[in-house]
Amino acid sequence: MDHVRVHPKFLHSNATSHKWALGALAELLDNALDEACHGATYVNIDMMENKKDGSKMLIVEDNGGGMDPDKMRHCMSLGYSAKSKIANTIGQYGNGFKTSTMRLGADVIVFSRSRGRDGKSPTQSIGLLSYSYLRNTGKEDIVVPMLDYKKGGQIWKRMTTSYSIDWNTNLNTIIDWSPYSSEADLLRQFSKMKDQGTRVVIYNLWEDDQGKLELDFDADQHDIQVRGVNRDENKIQMAKQFPNSRHFLTYRHSLRSYASMLYLRLPRGFRMILRGKEIEHHNIVTDMMMKEEVTYRPQPSADGVQKDPNMVAVVTMGFVKDAEHHIDVQGFNVYHKNRLIKPFWRVWNPPGSDGRGVIGSLEANFVEPAHDKQDFERTIVLSRLEARLVQMQKTYWSTKCHKIGYAPRRNKKLIESEDKESSPEAYQPSARRSGKGSKNSTSAIGSIKNRNHKDETLGIANERTSQKSGKNSSRRSALNRIMSDSEESDSEDECIPSERAVNGCGDKAAVAQKSVTKDGVCPSLSSHSPTKGDHVSSGGDVTADKMTTRLQSKTTSIACDVNGSRREEAELSLEQLKAENKELKERLRIMEESMAIDLQNEKDKNKSLAEQLEAAEKKLEELNKEQEALIDIFSEERVRRDKEEENLRNKLKDAQAEIQKLQDQM
């Protein structure tokens, strides 16, 4: 039957699904981690030089189960994956090896050794996937030369059965288009493997627009970094200043930083080694303070998720420990089946500083990742998760931002009450005072009761002033009792304002303040004061006036205390605003200095480019003059040649005439 042909150009176009070089490297780390179930204990990433041309090559090797000849061919095939049927493995599409290797370089050669299983002998295979070979030889199909060996006793023998392709042709092709110059050199690559393992060598690495390798091996001898827009020198300097935010600031250009948080959990005993130094596993939860955990359960009916009671996502979120410096660090690390898919996913993008410093981590196995494992498929399940994460971050930020120096985003009294309830000192507010703390509280409550009793009694007395004069004596006795009660409570009332602030009696103070009219008279007193028609003795009037004056003075003192507390709050808010203003000015100054430095660098760069342009123009002018001189020389040479040619033709004519003349004479 006819089959679909795959042109070599598809290798390059297929590799563009990886827009980020470190994302392509992560695919190779996934393949090594999947081999942990076959005994892999490490993956090693390193750089070597090509002995043929001195160029740099990328090496990724592990001691996993390796591949026999059949698995090697499946690995080189497009879309074939046996891992989708194996639990706890990351690979599932059968396209990661091809896209990742072709994204990093034009050519890759694979060495793999497999134990003998099910009665079969141990094997080792070599496969070459070379875009350079296919393009330069004009191939119309993707051809992958392979060499297979089988162990017989202690000797590795060539496997020439099973496949009809000429073994020697494959060997010559691999030697011509690989970094190795002989079959012995190829077999030496298996020397570091014991009984099993795989070694991937990527060479002819891609370059950027300036002719430099996209992967930078020189910036750090124990790291592989990326050049270009992913590298920000300002963030690199900030990472040194704020170590708890280092992964956020460096993961876009540093493989060591990205790989350290690539997996939520590592198998026991499994190590990742980058250029001779082990990668330390990192969970961003250790970078948090004021942590909270929120459980998110997707709705099976609405979101299209399978009805599994264990299908939940536990979101751990908090402020990064450097948040008090107000640096713009935020986002959620979202994992899928242990693999980081979206690092520091920024779900909330408000104007201003809202949301800064809040980071989180969760494992969401109910959303499907995209083929490049750098994003999720845009489904309603993901949209609902994103909306929930935004809500979580807003709630967390608005309730806790004041604890790291930002202005409160909620009711200030509510925040203060929450802080008091959450602090151990809230349960003993007056414990640090003198030994009379409890006594003062009791006296404050007693004074409030006496005050209420006094107001009620005063109202009764005022009502009685309108009755007959025969009852004046009883009214005087009631007023005398009120005065005695008021005098007894004078010493106790002195502690009311401060204790009221502690015991939350601000509302009563506000009511007392409102009860004072413009003239300073209590409405209850003015409404029931004696009239001209009432028979009130002069002694009773004096007593009522004294009591009214006393109540006015106490009400005024309460109002002053309330105003004083409000003034203190206003002063505290003003001090906080001044501190924030000072900090913003300092940050603005730093930004201006940084911008000035960047501007100066740009000016120097422009000046250098202008000088280069001027030199190039001068050189072009010289070349034009040289070209004109050459044209003049060629023109003169052509004129001279034409003249000489004309002379030769004339001489030829004369010779022919002479010959004809001699013939005639003969």
Foldseek 3Di string as FASTA:
>chain_A
DDDDFDFLVCLLVLLVVDVALLLLVVLLVLVQQQLVVQPKQEWEWAWDAQPVPRFIKIKIKIQGQWDAPVVVVLLVDAQDDPCCVPPLGDDDRSHSVSNSLVNFAQKKKKWWWHPAPPPAFTKIKIKIFGSCVCVVVVPGHRDIQMWMWGDDPNDTHTDPPPDPPDNVVSQVVCCVPDSHPHPVRVVVVCVPHDRTMMMMMRDRTDDDPVRHGQWDCPVDVQWIWGDDPLDDPVLVVVCVVQVLCNLVSGVSTTSLSVVLAFFPDGPPSHWYGGNHRTRHRDDSLVQFDPKDKDKADDDCVPQVFDPDPPQIKIKIKHFGPCCLLLDAQAAEQEAASRGTQEPRHDLDDDPDSQLGRMYIYIYHNRFAPDPSSNGTDDGVRVVVVSVVVNVVSNVVRQLCVVVSQDDHNDDPVVSVVVVLVPDPCNVPVCPPPPPCVVVLLVLLVVLVVLVVVLVVLLLVLLVCQQDDPVCQVVSVVSLVVSVVSVVVSPVSLVSNLVSCVSVVVLVVLVVLLVQADPVLFGPSCVVSHDDPPGDHDPVVVVSSVVVRVVSSVSSVVSNVSSVVVVVVVVVVVVVSVVVVVVSVVVVVVVVVVVVVVVVVVVVVVVVVVVVVVVVVVVVVVVVVVVVVVVVVVVVVVVVVVVVVVVVVVVVVVVVVVVVVVVVVVD
